[in-house]
């Protein structure tokens, strides 16, 4: 999607316009897709840009990956009004982990943004954090936790529908 930024520009401009109403001074995104979107939006809004690097954590379970703001950028985030953006949010693991690190940096989170939100998890997470979720489109997504999945419980292999 980000290989042709000129083709993406109208969508970046539209999402940036929605995020601008929240008074952000920094846009942050998890690497890879979210960071590319964050950089384009920061350019559009004339604000600062930061990214979060993907780090394989030591946790087991559904969300074992962490995202960390590089140390050289993290100190400047204290008190900044930050929009966290990702190209697409489904279960929200990258956004969740990036927000956790932004909170450690003492940033003021003001909005979550995405080009696409798939399923209810992103909206539910944003609501639980008390953050507005700006997005261009919603798509359906059926997902289950492994403990709730009938195919997992039966030991069935995943098949291409």
N, C-alpha and C. Protein backbone atom coordinates (compact mmCIF):
# COMPACT_ATOMS: atom_id res chain seq x y z
N UNK A 1 0.81 -1.19 0.00
CA UNK A 1 0.00 0.00 0.00
C UNK A 1 0.87 1.27 0.00
N UNK A 2 2.00 1.23 0.68
CA UNK A 2 2.82 2.42 0.82
C UNK A 2 3.89 2.54 -0.27
N UNK A 3 3.91 1.61 -1.20
CA UNK A 3 4.85 1.67 -2.30
C UNK A 3 4.54 2.78 -3.29
N UNK A 4 3.29 3.25 -3.28
CA UNK A 4 2.88 4.36 -4.16
C UNK A 4 2.22 5.44 -3.30
N UNK A 5 3.01 6.23 -2.57
CA UNK A 5 2.44 7.20 -1.64
C UNK A 5 1.54 8.25 -2.32
N UNK A 6 1.81 8.58 -3.56
CA UNK A 6 0.96 9.57 -4.23
C UNK A 6 -0.47 9.05 -4.38
N UNK A 7 -0.63 7.76 -4.64
CA UNK A 7 -1.97 7.17 -4.76
C UNK A 7 -2.68 7.13 -3.41
N UNK A 8 -1.91 7.05 -2.34
CA UNK A 8 -2.47 6.98 -0.99
C UNK A 8 -2.80 8.36 -0.42
N UNK A 9 -2.24 9.40 -1.01
CA UNK A 9 -2.34 10.75 -0.47
C UNK A 9 -3.77 11.21 -0.15
N UNK A 10 -4.77 11.00 -1.02
CA UNK A 10 -6.12 11.47 -0.67
C UNK A 10 -6.65 10.84 0.62
N UNK A 11 -6.29 9.59 0.86
CA UNK A 11 -6.75 8.90 2.06
C UNK A 11 -6.01 9.41 3.30
N UNK A 12 -4.71 9.67 3.13
CA UNK A 12 -3.91 10.24 4.22
C UNK A 12 -4.45 11.62 4.57
N UNK A 13 -4.75 12.43 3.56
CA UNK A 13 -5.29 13.77 3.79
C UNK A 13 -6.61 13.72 4.53
N UNK A 14 -7.48 12.80 4.13
CA UNK A 14 -8.78 12.69 4.80
C UNK A 14 -8.62 12.26 6.26
N UNK A 15 -7.80 11.25 6.52
CA UNK A 15 -7.60 10.81 7.90
C UNK A 15 -6.89 11.88 8.71
N UNK A 16 -5.92 12.56 8.13
CA UNK A 16 -5.22 13.64 8.83
C UNK A 16 -6.19 14.75 9.21
N UNK A 17 -7.13 15.06 8.34
CA UNK A 17 -8.13 16.08 8.65
C UNK A 17 -8.99 15.69 9.84
N UNK A 18 -9.33 14.43 9.95
CA UNK A 18 -10.13 13.95 11.09
C UNK A 18 -9.31 13.98 12.38
N UNK A 19 -8.05 13.62 12.28
CA UNK A 19 -7.17 13.60 13.46
C UNK A 19 -6.82 15.02 13.90
N UNK A 20 -6.72 15.94 12.96
CA UNK A 20 -6.34 17.32 13.27
C UNK A 20 -7.27 17.96 14.29
N UNK A 21 -8.53 17.59 14.27
CA UNK A 21 -9.50 18.15 15.20
C UNK A 21 -9.23 17.82 16.66
N UNK A 22 -8.29 16.91 16.90
CA UNK A 22 -7.97 16.51 18.27
C UNK A 22 -6.74 17.24 18.81
N UNK A 23 -6.21 18.18 18.05
CA UNK A 23 -5.11 19.01 18.53
C UNK A 23 -3.81 18.27 18.80
N UNK A 24 -3.41 17.41 17.89
CA UNK A 24 -2.19 16.64 18.10
C UNK A 24 -0.96 17.46 17.73
N UNK A 25 0.14 17.16 18.41
CA UNK A 25 1.41 17.76 18.00
C UNK A 25 2.44 16.71 17.61
N UNK A 26 2.06 15.43 17.71
CA UNK A 26 2.94 14.33 17.30
C UNK A 26 2.06 13.19 16.79
N UNK A 27 2.51 12.53 15.72
CA UNK A 27 1.83 11.35 15.21
C UNK A 27 2.80 10.18 15.33
N UNK A 28 2.33 9.08 15.90
CA UNK A 28 3.15 7.90 16.14
C UNK A 28 2.50 6.68 15.50
N UNK A 29 3.32 5.81 14.92
CA UNK A 29 2.81 4.57 14.36
C UNK A 29 3.78 3.43 14.58
N UNK A 30 3.24 2.22 14.76
CA UNK A 30 4.10 1.05 14.88
C UNK A 30 4.68 0.67 13.51
N UNK A 31 5.96 0.27 13.52
CA UNK A 31 6.56 -0.20 12.27
C UNK A 31 5.89 -1.52 11.89
N UNK A 32 5.50 -1.67 10.70
CA UNK A 32 5.89 -1.01 9.48
C UNK A 32 4.77 -0.10 8.96
N UNK A 33 3.61 -0.66 8.66
CA UNK A 33 2.56 0.13 8.02
C UNK A 33 2.15 1.36 8.80
N UNK A 34 1.98 1.23 10.09
CA UNK A 34 1.54 2.36 10.90
C UNK A 34 2.54 3.49 10.89
N UNK A 35 3.83 3.16 10.92
CA UNK A 35 4.86 4.20 10.92
C UNK A 35 4.88 4.96 9.59
N UNK A 36 4.69 4.25 8.49
CA UNK A 36 4.66 4.94 7.19
C UNK A 36 3.46 5.88 7.13
N UNK A 37 2.32 5.43 7.61
CA UNK A 37 1.13 6.29 7.66
C UNK A 37 1.37 7.47 8.59
N UNK A 38 1.96 7.22 9.75
CA UNK A 38 2.22 8.29 10.72
C UNK A 38 3.13 9.36 10.13
N UNK A 39 4.15 8.94 9.40
CA UNK A 39 5.05 9.91 8.80
C UNK A 39 4.34 10.77 7.76
N UNK A 40 3.53 10.14 6.92
CA UNK A 40 2.79 10.90 5.91
C UNK A 40 1.79 11.85 6.56
N UNK A 41 1.13 11.39 7.63
CA UNK A 41 0.17 12.26 8.32
C UNK A 41 0.86 13.41 9.03
N UNK A 42 2.00 13.15 9.66
CA UNK A 42 2.75 14.22 10.33
C UNK A 42 3.16 15.29 9.33
N UNK A 43 3.58 14.86 8.16
CA UNK A 43 3.94 15.80 7.10
C UNK A 43 2.72 16.63 6.69
N UNK A 44 1.59 15.97 6.53
CA UNK A 44 0.35 16.64 6.15
C UNK A 44 -0.09 17.66 7.21
N UNK A 45 0.08 17.29 8.49
CA UNK A 45 -0.37 18.14 9.59
C UNK A 45 0.67 19.17 10.04
N UNK A 46 1.91 19.00 9.59
CA UNK A 46 2.98 19.90 10.03
C UNK A 46 3.35 19.71 11.49
N UNK A 47 3.32 18.44 11.95
CA UNK A 47 3.64 18.13 13.34
C UNK A 47 4.79 17.11 13.39
N UNK A 48 5.19 16.75 14.58
CA UNK A 48 6.28 15.79 14.77
C UNK A 48 5.84 14.37 14.47
N UNK A 49 6.82 13.53 14.18
CA UNK A 49 6.59 12.12 13.87
C UNK A 49 7.52 11.26 14.71
N UNK A 50 6.98 10.18 15.27
CA UNK A 50 7.79 9.15 15.92
C UNK A 50 7.25 7.78 15.52
N UNK A 51 8.05 6.77 15.73
CA UNK A 51 7.63 5.42 15.40
C UNK A 51 7.97 4.49 16.56
N UNK A 52 7.34 3.33 16.55
CA UNK A 52 7.62 2.30 17.54
C UNK A 52 8.16 1.08 16.83
N UNK A 53 9.26 0.55 17.33
CA UNK A 53 9.89 -0.63 16.74
C UNK A 53 9.27 -1.91 17.31
N UNK A 54 9.15 -2.90 16.45
CA UNK A 54 8.59 -4.20 16.84
C UNK A 54 9.66 -5.02 17.54
N UNK A 55 9.31 -5.51 18.74
CA UNK A 55 10.24 -6.31 19.53
C UNK A 55 9.51 -7.56 19.98
N UNK A 56 10.07 -8.72 19.69
CA UNK A 56 9.46 -9.96 20.13
C UNK A 56 9.62 -10.07 21.64
N UNK A 57 8.50 -10.09 22.34
CA UNK A 57 8.51 -10.16 23.79
C UNK A 57 8.71 -11.57 24.31
N UNK A 58 8.74 -11.69 25.60
CA UNK A 58 8.92 -12.98 26.26
C UNK A 58 7.60 -13.62 26.66
N UNK A 59 6.49 -12.94 26.38
CA UNK A 59 5.17 -13.45 26.78
C UNK A 59 4.66 -14.48 25.79
N UNK A 60 3.90 -15.40 26.31
CA UNK A 60 3.16 -16.32 25.45
C UNK A 60 1.77 -15.72 25.27
N UNK A 61 0.97 -16.31 24.42
CA UNK A 61 -0.40 -15.87 24.29
C UNK A 61 -0.67 -15.11 23.01
N UNK A 62 -1.80 -14.45 23.01
CA UNK A 62 -2.32 -13.81 21.79
C UNK A 62 -1.50 -12.60 21.35
N UNK A 63 -0.93 -11.84 22.28
CA UNK A 63 -0.20 -10.62 21.93
C UNK A 63 1.23 -10.66 22.48
N UNK A 64 2.12 -11.50 21.92
CA UNK A 64 3.46 -11.64 22.47
C UNK A 64 4.47 -10.58 22.00
N UNK A 65 4.06 -9.68 21.12
CA UNK A 65 4.98 -8.71 20.54
C UNK A 65 4.84 -7.37 21.26
N UNK A 66 5.97 -6.74 21.52
CA UNK A 66 6.00 -5.40 22.10
C UNK A 66 6.40 -4.41 21.01
N UNK A 67 6.06 -3.16 21.23
CA UNK A 67 6.52 -2.07 20.37
C UNK A 67 7.12 -1.02 21.27
N UNK A 68 8.31 -0.53 20.91
CA UNK A 68 9.01 0.45 21.72
C UNK A 68 9.43 1.66 20.89
N UNK A 69 9.22 2.83 21.49
CA UNK A 69 9.72 4.07 20.89
C UNK A 69 11.23 4.06 21.10
N UNK A 70 12.03 4.34 20.07
CA UNK A 70 13.48 4.39 20.28
C UNK A 70 13.84 5.40 21.38
N UNK A 71 14.82 5.03 22.18
CA UNK A 71 15.22 5.85 23.32
C UNK A 71 15.53 7.30 22.91
N UNK A 72 16.14 7.47 21.75
CA UNK A 72 16.49 8.82 21.29
C UNK A 72 15.26 9.70 21.05
N UNK A 73 14.09 9.09 20.86
CA UNK A 73 12.86 9.84 20.60
C UNK A 73 11.93 9.91 21.80
N UNK A 74 12.08 8.98 22.73
CA UNK A 74 11.07 8.83 23.79
C UNK A 74 11.03 10.00 24.77
N UNK A 75 12.16 10.57 25.13
CA UNK A 75 12.18 11.66 26.12
C UNK A 75 11.40 12.88 25.64
N UNK A 76 11.41 13.11 24.34
CA UNK A 76 10.72 14.29 23.78
C UNK A 76 9.20 14.13 23.76
N UNK A 77 8.68 12.95 24.12
CA UNK A 77 7.24 12.70 24.07
C UNK A 77 6.50 13.11 25.35
N UNK A 78 7.23 13.33 26.43
CA UNK A 78 6.59 13.68 27.70
C UNK A 78 5.67 14.89 27.53
N UNK A 79 4.39 14.65 27.82
CA UNK A 79 3.39 15.73 27.76
C UNK A 79 2.90 16.08 26.36
N UNK A 80 3.46 15.47 25.34
CA UNK A 80 3.03 15.77 23.97
C UNK A 80 1.67 15.13 23.69
N UNK A 81 0.86 15.81 22.90
CA UNK A 81 -0.46 15.30 22.50
C UNK A 81 -0.26 14.42 21.26
N UNK A 82 -0.41 13.12 21.45
CA UNK A 82 -0.02 12.14 20.43
C UNK A 82 -1.24 11.43 19.84
N UNK A 83 -1.22 11.32 18.51
CA UNK A 83 -2.15 10.45 17.79
C UNK A 83 -1.39 9.18 17.48
N UNK A 84 -1.98 8.04 17.80
CA UNK A 84 -1.40 6.76 17.44
C UNK A 84 -2.17 6.26 16.24
N UNK A 85 -1.46 5.95 15.13
CA UNK A 85 -2.14 5.54 13.90
C UNK A 85 -1.54 4.24 13.37
N UNK A 86 -2.39 3.49 12.70
CA UNK A 86 -1.95 2.27 12.02
C UNK A 86 -2.71 2.17 10.71
N UNK A 87 -2.11 1.51 9.73
CA UNK A 87 -2.79 1.40 8.44
C UNK A 87 -4.07 0.61 8.57
N UNK A 88 -4.02 -0.51 9.31
CA UNK A 88 -5.20 -1.34 9.52
C UNK A 88 -5.17 -1.88 10.95
N UNK A 89 -6.31 -1.86 11.58
CA UNK A 89 -6.44 -2.40 12.94
C UNK A 89 -7.43 -3.55 12.88
N UNK A 90 -7.00 -4.72 13.31
CA UNK A 90 -7.92 -5.86 13.44
C UNK A 90 -8.06 -6.17 14.92
N UNK A 91 -7.18 -6.99 15.46
CA UNK A 91 -7.23 -7.28 16.90
C UNK A 91 -6.56 -6.17 17.71
N UNK A 92 -5.80 -5.31 17.06
CA UNK A 92 -5.22 -4.14 17.70
C UNK A 92 -3.95 -4.38 18.48
N UNK A 93 -3.26 -5.48 18.22
CA UNK A 93 -2.08 -5.79 19.03
C UNK A 93 -0.96 -4.76 18.87
N UNK A 94 -0.69 -4.28 17.67
CA UNK A 94 0.36 -3.29 17.46
C UNK A 94 0.00 -1.96 18.12
N UNK A 95 -1.26 -1.56 18.00
CA UNK A 95 -1.71 -0.31 18.63
C UNK A 95 -1.66 -0.43 20.14
N UNK A 96 -2.12 -1.56 20.68
CA UNK A 96 -2.09 -1.78 22.13
C UNK A 96 -0.68 -1.65 22.68
N UNK A 97 0.26 -2.34 22.04
CA UNK A 97 1.64 -2.34 22.53
C UNK A 97 2.30 -0.98 22.36
N UNK A 98 1.99 -0.28 21.28
CA UNK A 98 2.56 1.06 21.07
C UNK A 98 2.00 2.02 22.11
N UNK A 99 0.72 1.94 22.39
CA UNK A 99 0.11 2.80 23.40
C UNK A 99 0.73 2.53 24.77
N UNK A 100 0.98 1.27 25.08
CA UNK A 100 1.60 0.96 26.37
C UNK A 100 2.95 1.65 26.51
N UNK A 101 3.74 1.68 25.43
CA UNK A 101 5.04 2.35 25.51
C UNK A 101 4.89 3.87 25.52
N UNK A 102 3.93 4.40 24.79
CA UNK A 102 3.68 5.85 24.83
C UNK A 102 3.28 6.29 26.23
N UNK A 103 2.52 5.47 26.92
CA UNK A 103 2.16 5.78 28.31
C UNK A 103 3.40 5.79 29.19
N UNK A 104 4.33 4.85 28.96
CA UNK A 104 5.59 4.83 29.70
C UNK A 104 6.39 6.11 29.44
N UNK A 105 6.30 6.62 28.22
CA UNK A 105 6.99 7.86 27.85
C UNK A 105 6.27 9.10 28.40
N UNK A 106 5.14 8.91 29.04
CA UNK A 106 4.31 9.98 29.60
C UNK A 106 3.77 10.92 28.53
N UNK A 107 3.49 10.35 27.35
CA UNK A 107 2.81 11.10 26.30
C UNK A 107 1.33 11.22 26.67
N UNK A 108 0.69 12.23 26.14
CA UNK A 108 -0.75 12.41 26.32
C UNK A 108 -1.43 11.88 25.07
N UNK A 109 -2.06 10.72 25.18
CA UNK A 109 -2.72 10.11 24.03
C UNK A 109 -4.06 10.77 23.82
N UNK A 110 -4.34 11.22 22.60
CA UNK A 110 -5.58 11.95 22.35
C UNK A 110 -6.49 11.29 21.32
N UNK A 111 -5.96 10.43 20.44
CA UNK A 111 -6.78 9.82 19.40
C UNK A 111 -6.05 8.63 18.80
N UNK A 112 -6.83 7.65 18.37
CA UNK A 112 -6.32 6.53 17.57
C UNK A 112 -6.86 6.73 16.17
N UNK A 113 -6.04 6.50 15.16
CA UNK A 113 -6.48 6.63 13.77
C UNK A 113 -6.07 5.44 12.94
N UNK A 114 -6.86 5.12 11.93
CA UNK A 114 -6.56 4.02 11.02
C UNK A 114 -7.25 4.25 9.69
N UNK A 115 -6.64 3.75 8.64
CA UNK A 115 -7.30 3.78 7.34
C UNK A 115 -8.45 2.78 7.35
N UNK A 116 -8.20 1.59 7.94
CA UNK A 116 -9.18 0.50 7.94
C UNK A 116 -9.25 -0.08 9.35
N UNK A 117 -10.46 -0.30 9.84
CA UNK A 117 -10.67 -1.03 11.10
C UNK A 117 -11.49 -2.27 10.75
N UNK A 118 -10.93 -3.42 11.09
CA UNK A 118 -11.59 -4.69 10.78
C UNK A 118 -12.08 -5.33 12.07
N UNK A 119 -13.39 -5.52 12.16
CA UNK A 119 -13.97 -6.14 13.34
C UNK A 119 -14.12 -5.16 14.50
N UNK A 120 -14.67 -5.62 15.62
CA UNK A 120 -14.98 -4.74 16.74
C UNK A 120 -13.84 -4.49 17.73
N UNK A 121 -12.75 -5.25 17.68
CA UNK A 121 -11.72 -5.16 18.71
C UNK A 121 -11.08 -3.77 18.81
N UNK A 122 -10.83 -3.12 17.68
CA UNK A 122 -10.23 -1.79 17.70
C UNK A 122 -11.12 -0.77 18.37
N UNK A 123 -12.39 -0.79 18.01
CA UNK A 123 -13.35 0.15 18.62
C UNK A 123 -13.52 -0.12 20.10
N UNK A 124 -13.57 -1.40 20.48
CA UNK A 124 -13.72 -1.76 21.89
C UNK A 124 -12.50 -1.32 22.69
N UNK A 125 -11.31 -1.50 22.13
CA UNK A 125 -10.09 -1.09 22.83
C UNK A 125 -10.06 0.43 22.99
N UNK A 126 -10.37 1.15 21.91
CA UNK A 126 -10.37 2.62 21.98
C UNK A 126 -11.35 3.10 23.05
N UNK A 127 -12.54 2.53 23.07
CA UNK A 127 -13.55 2.91 24.06
C UNK A 127 -13.06 2.62 25.48
N UNK A 128 -12.42 1.47 25.68
CA UNK A 128 -11.91 1.11 27.00
C UNK A 128 -10.82 2.09 27.46
N UNK A 129 -10.05 2.62 26.52
CA UNK A 129 -9.00 3.60 26.85
C UNK A 129 -9.55 5.02 26.90
N UNK A 130 -10.81 5.21 26.54
CA UNK A 130 -11.40 6.54 26.52
C UNK A 130 -10.86 7.42 25.39
N UNK A 131 -10.47 6.78 24.29
CA UNK A 131 -9.91 7.51 23.16
C UNK A 131 -10.84 7.44 21.95
N UNK A 132 -11.00 8.54 21.23
CA UNK A 132 -11.75 8.47 19.98
C UNK A 132 -10.98 7.65 18.95
N UNK A 133 -11.71 6.99 18.07
CA UNK A 133 -11.11 6.20 16.99
C UNK A 133 -11.57 6.79 15.67
N UNK A 134 -10.65 7.42 14.96
CA UNK A 134 -10.93 7.99 13.64
C UNK A 134 -10.48 6.99 12.60
N UNK A 135 -11.36 6.65 11.66
CA UNK A 135 -11.01 5.71 10.60
C UNK A 135 -11.80 6.05 9.35
N UNK A 136 -11.27 5.56 8.22
CA UNK A 136 -11.94 5.83 6.95
C UNK A 136 -12.98 4.79 6.61
N UNK A 137 -12.76 3.55 7.03
CA UNK A 137 -13.73 2.51 6.73
C UNK A 137 -13.66 1.38 7.76
N UNK A 138 -14.78 0.70 7.90
CA UNK A 138 -14.87 -0.49 8.74
C UNK A 138 -15.14 -1.69 7.85
N UNK A 139 -14.49 -2.79 8.16
CA UNK A 139 -14.72 -4.05 7.46
C UNK A 139 -15.03 -5.14 8.49
N UNK A 140 -15.83 -6.12 8.10
CA UNK A 140 -16.12 -7.20 9.05
C UNK A 140 -14.89 -8.09 9.25
N UNK A 141 -14.80 -8.66 10.42
CA UNK A 141 -13.75 -9.64 10.71
C UNK A 141 -14.28 -10.57 11.78
N UNK A 142 -14.26 -11.84 11.47
CA UNK A 142 -14.66 -12.84 12.45
C UNK A 142 -13.38 -13.46 13.01
N UNK A 143 -13.18 -13.27 14.30
CA UNK A 143 -11.99 -13.81 14.95
C UNK A 143 -12.38 -14.33 16.32
N UNK A 144 -11.67 -15.35 16.75
CA UNK A 144 -11.93 -15.95 18.05
C UNK A 144 -10.63 -16.09 18.81
N UNK A 145 -10.72 -16.00 20.13
CA UNK A 145 -9.58 -16.38 20.95
C UNK A 145 -9.40 -17.88 20.79
N UNK A 146 -8.18 -18.41 20.86
CA UNK A 146 -7.98 -19.84 20.67
C UNK A 146 -8.88 -20.70 21.57
N UNK A 147 -9.12 -20.27 22.79
CA UNK A 147 -9.96 -21.04 23.71
C UNK A 147 -11.42 -21.10 23.27
N UNK A 148 -11.85 -20.16 22.41
CA UNK A 148 -13.23 -20.08 21.96
C UNK A 148 -13.43 -20.63 20.55
N UNK A 149 -12.36 -21.00 19.88
CA UNK A 149 -12.42 -21.44 18.49
C UNK A 149 -12.80 -22.91 18.39
N UNK A 150 -13.88 -23.20 17.68
CA UNK A 150 -14.33 -24.58 17.52
C UNK A 150 -13.33 -25.41 16.71
N UNK A 151 -12.71 -24.81 15.71
CA UNK A 151 -11.71 -25.55 14.92
C UNK A 151 -10.49 -25.89 15.77
N UNK A 152 -10.06 -24.93 16.61
CA UNK A 152 -8.92 -25.20 17.50
C UNK A 152 -9.25 -26.33 18.46
N UNK A 153 -10.44 -26.28 19.04
CA UNK A 153 -10.86 -27.28 20.02
C UNK A 153 -10.94 -28.67 19.39
N UNK A 154 -11.33 -28.75 18.13
CA UNK A 154 -11.48 -30.05 17.47
C UNK A 154 -10.15 -30.54 16.87
N UNK A 155 -9.12 -29.67 16.86
CA UNK A 155 -7.85 -30.05 16.28
C UNK A 155 -7.82 -30.00 14.77
N UNK A 156 -8.85 -29.35 14.17
CA UNK A 156 -8.94 -29.26 12.71
C UNK A 156 -7.89 -28.30 12.16
N UNK A 157 -7.39 -28.64 11.01
CA UNK A 157 -6.43 -27.76 10.34
C UNK A 157 -7.18 -26.57 9.74
N UNK A 158 -6.51 -25.46 9.68
CA UNK A 158 -7.09 -24.28 9.03
C UNK A 158 -7.09 -24.54 7.52
N UNK A 159 -8.21 -24.26 6.88
CA UNK A 159 -8.33 -24.49 5.44
C UNK A 159 -8.54 -23.15 4.74
N UNK A 160 -8.11 -23.07 3.52
CA UNK A 160 -8.34 -21.88 2.70
C UNK A 160 -9.78 -21.90 2.22
N UNK A 161 -10.59 -20.91 2.65
CA UNK A 161 -12.02 -20.92 2.26
C UNK A 161 -12.18 -20.73 0.77
